[in-house]
């Protein structure tokens, strides 16, 4: 009789574990590497509050996998009824500026637009056309220009350049204009070559000799 009671208790306990996700009503708690989750994402997640654990997990997985600003996520149930969401949010590292709207598209390292703003301190490339929309990717030439601009910003604290005629134009300290190619080029090679050339130009006796460095040629041209 004792064994039967033990078996019944075990069965009931296991059964409770199995069906409990269908009855526990969840409250979502969300955090990212920056603290609170973005407000627009929290609006989506709030619709899961009050659902059972089983359905809440399914809905959260769908929402987070389809949101382009989410790089990675994890879900963890915490007693009594909290479902904790940890997010790794994509970070903007570049900006594209449009002369048409005077706004900035904030872009991640892969060229995807994460948001649109009216100001930024990120390395920026000016374009003549319309800004890409949130969720879209910039074209290959613009992404290459952004990576070049990131390198220039790191080396010389110059944060803005302009795309003209399939080239990137940047003004360095000392009123030195640099013209970068955007096709069939290696960004690391271009930036390394520029560093050596600029050091030479800035050396005593050379500061007034050149005002432009054209990197579009195999052997850069100084004018």
C-alpha atoms as a PDB file:
ATOM      1  CA  UNK A   1       0.000   0.000   0.000  1.00  0.00           C
ATOM      2  CA  UNK A   2       2.845   2.356   0.875  1.00  0.00           C
ATOM      3  CA  UNK A   3       4.499   1.724  -2.476  1.00  0.00           C
ATOM      4  CA  UNK A   4       1.239   2.475  -4.275  1.00  0.00           C
ATOM      5  CA  UNK A   5       0.910   5.795  -2.425  1.00  0.00           C
ATOM      6  CA  UNK A   6       4.494   6.711  -3.316  1.00  0.00           C
ATOM      7  CA  UNK A   7       3.848   5.887  -6.990  1.00  0.00           C
ATOM      8  CA  UNK A   8       0.658   7.972  -6.971  1.00  0.00           C
ATOM      9  CA  UNK A   9       2.486  10.927  -5.398  1.00  0.00           C
ATOM     10  CA  UNK A  10       5.280  10.702  -7.959  1.00  0.00           C
ATOM     11  CA  UNK A  11       2.769  10.537 -10.820  1.00  0.00           C
ATOM     12  CA  UNK A  12       0.873  13.529  -9.460  1.00  0.00           C
ATOM     13  CA  UNK A  13       4.104  15.520  -8.993  1.00  0.00           C
ATOM     14  CA  UNK A  14       5.317  14.769 -12.522  1.00  0.00           C
ATOM     15  CA  UNK A  15       1.890  15.563 -13.901  1.00  0.00           C
ATOM     16  CA  UNK A  16       1.893  18.894 -12.085  1.00  0.00           C
ATOM     17  CA  UNK A  17       5.282  19.729 -13.573  1.00  0.00           C
ATOM     18  CA  UNK A  18       4.025  18.884 -17.046  1.00  0.00           C
ATOM     19  CA  UNK A  19       0.809  20.884 -16.934  1.00  0.00           C
ATOM     20  CA  UNK A  20       2.004  23.809 -14.794  1.00  0.00           C
ATOM     21  CA  UNK A  21       3.368  25.771 -17.806  1.00  0.00           C
ATOM     22  CA  UNK A  22      -0.205  25.865 -19.099  1.00  0.00           C
ATOM     23  CA  UNK A  23      -1.533  27.623 -15.983  1.00  0.00           C
ATOM     24  CA  UNK A  24       1.223  29.918 -14.659  1.00  0.00           C
ATOM     25  CA  UNK A  25       0.408  33.469 -15.815  1.00  0.00           C
ATOM     26  CA  UNK A  26       3.592  35.248 -16.822  1.00  0.00           C
ATOM     27  CA  UNK A  27       4.943  38.758 -16.298  1.00  0.00           C
ATOM     28  CA  UNK A  28       7.816  39.657 -18.646  1.00  0.00           C
ATOM     29  CA  UNK A  29      10.954  41.319 -17.261  1.00  0.00           C
ATOM     30  CA  UNK A  30      13.378  42.538 -19.961  1.00  0.00           C
ATOM     31  CA  UNK A  31      16.993  43.728 -19.746  1.00  0.00           C
ATOM     32  CA  UNK A  32      19.671  44.455 -22.347  1.00  0.00           C
ATOM     33  CA  UNK A  33      23.412  45.155 -22.134  1.00  0.00           C
ATOM     34  CA  UNK A  34      22.482  48.848 -21.806  1.00  0.00           C
ATOM     35  CA  UNK A  35      19.997  48.356 -18.959  1.00  0.00           C
ATOM     36  CA  UNK A  36      16.330  48.647 -19.850  1.00  0.00           C
ATOM     37  CA  UNK A  37      15.129  47.226 -23.160  1.00  0.00           C
ATOM     38  CA  UNK A  38      14.194  49.687 -25.946  1.00  0.00           C
ATOM     39  CA  UNK A  39      10.726  51.166 -25.463  1.00  0.00           C
ATOM     40  CA  UNK A  40       9.489  50.069 -28.896  1.00  0.00           C
ATOM     41  CA  UNK A  41      10.479  46.481 -28.127  1.00  0.00           C
ATOM     42  CA  UNK A  42       8.892  46.585 -24.669  1.00  0.00           C
ATOM     43  CA  UNK A  43       5.606  47.585 -26.318  1.00  0.00           C
ATOM     44  CA  UNK A  44       5.710  44.312 -28.255  1.00  0.00           C
ATOM     45  CA  UNK A  45       6.718  42.221 -25.245  1.00  0.00           C
ATOM     46  CA  UNK A  46       4.015  43.688 -22.999  1.00  0.00           C
ATOM     47  CA  UNK A  47       1.394  41.853 -25.057  1.00  0.00           C
ATOM     48  CA  UNK A  48       2.728  38.591 -23.628  1.00  0.00           C
ATOM     49  CA  UNK A  49       1.963  39.554 -20.020  1.00  0.00           C
ATOM     50  CA  UNK A  50      -0.803  37.425 -18.514  1.00  0.00           C
ATOM     51  CA  UNK A  51      -0.317  34.500 -20.883  1.00  0.00           C
ATOM     52  CA  UNK A  52       0.646  31.048 -19.655  1.00  0.00           C
ATOM     53  CA  UNK A  53       4.311  30.137 -19.468  1.00  0.00           C
ATOM     54  CA  UNK A  54       4.000  27.750 -22.407  1.00  0.00           C
ATOM     55  CA  UNK A  55       2.396  30.276 -24.765  1.00  0.00           C
ATOM     56  CA  UNK A  56       4.473  33.186 -23.442  1.00  0.00           C
ATOM     57  CA  UNK A  57       7.723  31.414 -24.363  1.00  0.00           C
ATOM     58  CA  UNK A  58       6.438  30.627 -27.848  1.00  0.00           C
ATOM     59  CA  UNK A  59       5.321  34.225 -28.433  1.00  0.00           C
ATOM     60  CA  UNK A  60       8.540  35.711 -27.098  1.00  0.00           C
ATOM     61  CA  UNK A  61      10.654  33.473 -29.306  1.00  0.00           C
ATOM     62  CA  UNK A  62       8.691  34.613 -32.380  1.00  0.00           C
ATOM     63  CA  UNK A  63       8.882  38.302 -31.457  1.00  0.00           C
ATOM     64  CA  UNK A  64      12.588  38.342 -30.606  1.00  0.00           C
ATOM     65  CA  UNK A  65      13.709  36.236 -33.570  1.00  0.00           C
ATOM     66  CA  UNK A  66      11.902  38.534 -35.989  1.00  0.00           C
ATOM     67  CA  UNK A  67      13.156  41.828 -34.499  1.00  0.00           C
ATOM     68  CA  UNK A  68      16.214  43.033 -36.418  1.00  0.00           C
ATOM     69  CA  UNK A  69      17.685  45.032 -33.506  1.00  0.00           C
ATOM     70  CA  UNK A  70      18.061  41.866 -31.407  1.00  0.00           C
ATOM     71  CA  UNK A  71      21.382  40.102 -31.893  1.00  0.00           C
ATOM     72  CA  UNK A  72      20.940  37.360 -29.248  1.00  0.00           C
ATOM     73  CA  UNK A  73      18.488  36.591 -26.453  1.00  0.00           C
ATOM     74  CA  UNK A  74      17.787  34.151 -23.658  1.00  0.00           C
ATOM     75  CA  UNK A  75      14.668  33.382 -21.584  1.00  0.00           C
ATOM     76  CA  UNK A  76      14.683  32.315 -17.929  1.00  0.00           C
ATOM     77  CA  UNK A  77      11.674  31.530 -15.735  1.00  0.00           C
ATOM     78  CA  UNK A  78      11.872  32.847 -12.173  1.00  0.00           C
ATOM     79  CA  UNK A  79       9.428  32.117  -9.356  1.00  0.00           C
ATOM     80  CA  UNK A  80       6.703  32.911  -8.799  1.00  0.00           C
ATOM     81  CA  UNK A  81       5.674  34.032 -12.315  1.00  0.00           C
ATOM     82  CA  UNK A  82       8.438  36.062 -13.968  1.00  0.00           C
ATOM     83  CA  UNK A  83       9.910  35.316 -17.373  1.00  0.00           C
ATOM     84  CA  UNK A  84      13.237  37.123 -17.545  1.00  0.00           C
ATOM     85  CA  UNK A  85      14.441  38.180 -21.004  1.00  0.00           C
ATOM     86  CA  UNK A  86      18.138  38.972 -21.538  1.00  0.00           C
ATOM     87  CA  UNK A  87      18.912  40.741 -24.833  1.00  0.00           C
ATOM     88  CA  UNK A  88      22.025  41.599 -26.762  1.00  0.00           C
ATOM     89  CA  UNK A  89      21.015  44.646 -28.808  1.00  0.00           C
ATOM     90  CA  UNK A  90      22.781  45.559 -32.038  1.00  0.00           C
ATOM     91  CA  UNK A  91      24.877  48.688 -31.641  1.00  0.00           C
ATOM     92  CA  UNK A  92      25.162  51.510 -34.213  1.00  0.00           C
ATOM     93  CA  UNK A  93      28.780  52.270 -35.096  1.00  0.00           C
ATOM     94  CA  UNK A  94      28.373  54.511 -38.179  1.00  0.00           C
ATOM     95  CA  UNK A  95      25.959  57.115 -39.499  1.00  0.00           C
ATOM     96  CA  UNK A  96      24.759  58.093 -42.960  1.00  0.00           C
ATOM     97  CA  UNK A  97      23.594  61.670 -43.468  1.00  0.00           C
ATOM     98  CA  UNK A  98      21.242  62.846 -46.196  1.00  0.00           C
ATOM     99  CA  UNK A  99      21.400  66.404 -47.484  1.00  0.00           C
ATOM    100  CA  UNK A 100      17.765  66.038 -48.538  1.00  0.00           C
ATOM    101  CA  UNK A 101      16.315  65.472 -45.055  1.00  0.00           C
ATOM    102  CA  UNK A 102      19.298  66.549 -42.906  1.00  0.00           C
ATOM    103  CA  UNK A 103      18.740  63.398 -40.832  1.00  0.00           C
ATOM    104  CA  UNK A 104      21.056  60.552 -39.887  1.00  0.00           C
ATOM    105  CA  UNK A 105      20.602  56.826 -40.378  1.00  0.00           C
ATOM    106  CA  UNK A 106      22.422  55.033 -37.557  1.00  0.00           C
ATOM    107  CA  UNK A 107      24.029  51.878 -38.915  1.00  0.00           C
ATOM    108  CA  UNK A 108      25.539  48.740 -37.374  1.00  0.00           C
ATOM    109  CA  UNK A 109      28.828  47.146 -38.430  1.00  0.00           C
ATOM    110  CA  UNK A 110      27.097  45.121 -41.160  1.00  0.00           C
ATOM    111  CA  UNK A 111      25.420  48.156 -42.713  1.00  0.00           C
ATOM    112  CA  UNK A 112      21.902  47.655 -41.356  1.00  0.00           C
ATOM    113  CA  UNK A 113      19.994  50.777 -40.366  1.00  0.00           C
ATOM    114  CA  UNK A 114      18.924  50.528 -36.714  1.00  0.00           C
ATOM    115  CA  UNK A 115      17.325  53.941 -36.249  1.00  0.00           C
ATOM    116  CA  UNK A 116      16.937  57.448 -37.688  1.00  0.00           C
ATOM    117  CA  UNK A 117      18.045  60.505 -35.704  1.00  0.00           C
ATOM    118  CA  UNK A 118      18.622  64.244 -35.988  1.00  0.00           C
ATOM    119  CA  UNK A 119      22.178  64.236 -34.589  1.00  0.00           C
ATOM    120  CA  UNK A 120      25.064  61.870 -33.866  1.00  0.00           C
ATOM    121  CA  UNK A 121      28.726  61.750 -32.821  1.00  0.00           C
ATOM    122  CA  UNK A 122      29.408  58.575 -34.826  1.00  0.00           C
ATOM    123  CA  UNK A 123      31.678  58.533 -37.907  1.00  0.00           C
ATOM    124  CA  UNK A 124      29.411  59.877 -40.653  1.00  0.00           C
ATOM    125  CA  UNK A 125      29.250  59.738 -44.440  1.00  0.00           C
ATOM    126  CA  UNK A 126      27.161  62.284 -46.366  1.00  0.00           C
ATOM    127  CA  UNK A 127      25.175  61.014 -49.349  1.00  0.00           C
ATOM    128  CA  UNK A 128      23.132  62.887 -51.956  1.00  0.00           C
ATOM    129  CA  UNK A 129      20.092  60.572 -52.132  1.00  0.00           C
ATOM    130  CA  UNK A 130      17.445  59.459 -49.682  1.00  0.00           C
ATOM    131  CA  UNK A 131      18.356  57.645 -46.487  1.00  0.00           C
ATOM    132  CA  UNK A 132      17.680  53.902 -46.368  1.00  0.00           C
ATOM    133  CA  UNK A 133      14.774  52.965 -44.122  1.00  0.00           C
ATOM    134  CA  UNK A 134      15.019  51.326 -40.705  1.00  0.00           C
ATOM    135  CA  UNK A 135      15.797  47.640 -41.157  1.00  0.00           C
ATOM    136  CA  UNK A 136      17.304  48.109 -44.621  1.00  0.00           C
ATOM    137  CA  UNK A 137      21.000  47.824 -45.441  1.00  0.00           C
ATOM    138  CA  UNK A 138      23.151  50.473 -47.075  1.00  0.00           C
ATOM    139  CA  UNK A 139      24.727  49.560 -50.417  1.00  0.00           C
ATOM    140  CA  UNK A 140      28.206  48.049 -50.623  1.00  0.00           C
ATOM    141  CA  UNK A 141      29.954  51.296 -51.626  1.00  0.00           C
ATOM    142  CA  UNK A 142      28.411  53.224 -48.742  1.00  0.00           C
ATOM    143  CA  UNK A 143      29.347  50.500 -46.240  1.00  0.00           C
ATOM    144  CA  UNK A 144      32.928  50.564 -47.540  1.00  0.00           C
ATOM    145  CA  UNK A 145      32.968  54.368 -47.176  1.00  0.00           C
ATOM    146  CA  UNK A 146      31.666  54.039 -43.615  1.00  0.00           C
ATOM    147  CA  UNK A 147      34.433  51.600 -42.689  1.00  0.00           C
ATOM    148  CA  UNK A 148      37.015  53.977 -44.145  1.00  0.00           C
ATOM    149  CA  UNK A 149      35.452  56.852 -42.220  1.00  0.00           C
ATOM    150  CA  UNK A 150      35.607  54.795 -39.037  1.00  0.00           C
ATOM    151  CA  UNK A 151      39.353  54.329 -39.542  1.00  0.00           C
ATOM    152  CA  UNK A 152      39.913  58.008 -40.327  1.00  0.00           C
ATOM    153  CA  UNK A 153      37.946  58.992 -37.221  1.00  0.00           C
ATOM    154  CA  UNK A 154      40.040  56.690 -35.047  1.00  0.00           C
ATOM    155  CA  UNK A 155      43.322  58.037 -36.431  1.00  0.00           C
ATOM    156  CA  UNK A 156      42.574  61.741 -36.792  1.00  0.00           C
ATOM    157  CA  UNK A 157      39.330  62.427 -34.862  1.00  0.00           C
ATOM    158  CA  UNK A 158      37.664  63.585 -38.086  1.00  0.00           C
ATOM    159  CA  UNK A 159      34.088  62.352 -38.037  1.00  0.00           C
ATOM    160  CA  UNK A 160      32.546  63.325 -41.348  1.00  0.00           C
ATOM    161  CA  UNK A 161      33.227  62.651 -45.023  1.00  0.00           C
ATOM    162  CA  UNK A 162      31.256  62.902 -48.246  1.00  0.00           C
ATOM    163  CA  UNK A 163      30.599  60.558 -51.151  1.00  0.00           C
ATOM    164  CA  UNK A 164      31.071  62.227 -54.535  1.00  0.00           C
ATOM    165  CA  UNK A 165      31.476  60.553 -57.935  1.00  0.00           C
ATOM    166  CA  UNK A 166      32.102  57.073 -56.478  1.00  0.00           C
ATOM    167  CA  UNK A 167      34.757  58.417 -54.107  1.00  0.00           C
ATOM    168  CA  UNK A 168      34.929  59.336 -50.425  1.00  0.00           C
ATOM    169  CA  UNK A 169      36.197  62.861 -49.727  1.00  0.00           C
ATOM    170  CA  UNK A 170      37.606  63.677 -46.292  1.00  0.00           C
ATOM    171  CA  UNK A 171      39.248  66.856 -44.930  1.00  0.00           C
ATOM    172  CA  UNK A 172      42.106  66.115 -42.514  1.00  0.00           C
ATOM    173  CA  UNK A 173      43.686  68.597 -40.067  1.00  0.00           C
ATOM    174  CA  UNK A 174      45.982  70.975 -41.907  1.00  0.00           C
ATOM    175  CA  UNK A 175      43.455  71.388 -44.722  1.00  0.00           C
ATOM    176  CA  UNK A 176      44.572  68.186 -46.423  1.00  0.00           C
ATOM    177  CA  UNK A 177      41.878  66.772 -48.698  1.00  0.00           C
ATOM    178  CA  UNK A 178      41.897  62.990 -49.137  1.00  0.00           C
ATOM    179  CA  UNK A 179      40.117  61.159 -51.962  1.00  0.00           C
ATOM    180  CA  UNK A 180      39.433  57.454 -51.357  1.00  0.00           C
ATOM    181  CA  UNK A 181      38.237  54.949 -53.976  1.00  0.00           C
ATOM    182  CA  UNK A 182      35.117  52.927 -53.153  1.00  0.00           C
ATOM    183  CA  UNK A 183      35.612  49.999 -55.536  1.00  0.00           C
ATOM    184  CA  UNK A 184      38.249  47.257 -55.834  1.00  0.00           C
ATOM    185  CA  UNK A 185      40.115  48.489 -52.768  1.00  0.00           C
ATOM    186  CA  UNK A 186      41.331  47.262 -49.387  1.00  0.00           C
ATOM    187  CA  UNK A 187      40.340  49.556 -46.515  1.00  0.00           C
ATOM    188  CA  UNK A 188      43.229  48.494 -44.248  1.00  0.00           C
ATOM    189  CA  UNK A 189      45.756  49.075 -47.035  1.00  0.00           C
ATOM    190  CA  UNK A 190      44.276  52.482 -47.849  1.00  0.00           C
ATOM    191  CA  UNK A 191      44.292  53.620 -44.233  1.00  0.00           C
ATOM    192  CA  UNK A 192      47.810  52.321 -43.615  1.00  0.00           C
ATOM    193  CA  UNK A 193      49.101  54.105 -46.718  1.00  0.00           C
ATOM    194  CA  UNK A 194      47.346  57.320 -45.717  1.00  0.00           C
ATOM    195  CA  UNK A 195      48.959  57.243 -42.275  1.00  0.00           C
ATOM    196  CA  UNK A 196      52.461  57.114 -43.801  1.00  0.00           C
ATOM    197  CA  UNK A 197      51.689  59.780 -46.428  1.00  0.00           C
ATOM    198  CA  UNK A 198      50.107  62.152 -43.910  1.00  0.00           C
ATOM    199  CA  UNK A 199      53.080  61.820 -41.562  1.00  0.00           C
ATOM    200  CA  UNK A 200      55.359  62.770 -44.450  1.00  0.00           C
ATOM    201  CA  UNK A 201      53.195  65.756 -45.403  1.00  0.00           C
ATOM    202  CA  UNK A 202      53.088  67.002 -41.805  1.00  0.00           C
ATOM    203  CA  UNK A 203      56.853  66.785 -41.421  1.00  0.00           C
ATOM    204  CA  UNK A 204      58.805  70.057 -41.195  1.00  0.00           C
ATOM    205  CA  UNK A 205      59.304  71.591 -44.631  1.00  0.00           C
ATOM    206  CA  UNK A 206      56.406  69.741 -46.287  1.00  0.00           C
ATOM    207  CA  UNK A 207      53.345  71.308 -44.662  1.00  0.00           C
ATOM    208  CA  UNK A 208      52.775  73.887 -47.387  1.00  0.00           C
ATOM    209  CA  UNK A 209      53.683  71.704 -50.359  1.00  0.00           C
ATOM    210  CA  UNK A 210      50.516  69.577 -50.647  1.00  0.00           C
ATOM    211  CA  UNK A 211      46.798  70.091 -50.127  1.00  0.00           C
ATOM    212  CA  UNK A 212      45.375  66.883 -51.613  1.00  0.00           C
ATOM    213  CA  UNK A 213      46.095  63.160 -51.423  1.00  0.00           C
ATOM    214  CA  UNK A 214      44.431  61.068 -54.130  1.00  0.00           C
ATOM    215  CA  UNK A 215      44.294  57.443 -53.008  1.00  0.00           C
ATOM    216  CA  UNK A 216      42.480  56.206 -56.122  1.00  0.00           C
ATOM    217  CA  UNK A 217      45.727  55.166 -57.803  1.00  0.00           C
ATOM    218  CA  UNK A 218      48.124  52.306 -57.114  1.00  0.00           C
ATOM    219  CA  UNK A 219      50.700  54.955 -56.275  1.00  0.00           C
ATOM    220  CA  UNK A 220      48.806  57.729 -54.441  1.00  0.00           C
ATOM    221  CA  UNK A 221      49.077  61.162 -56.045  1.00  0.00           C
ATOM    222  CA  UNK A 222      49.944  64.235 -53.995  1.00  0.00           C
ATOM    223  CA  UNK A 223      48.895  67.638 -55.255  1.00  0.00           C
END
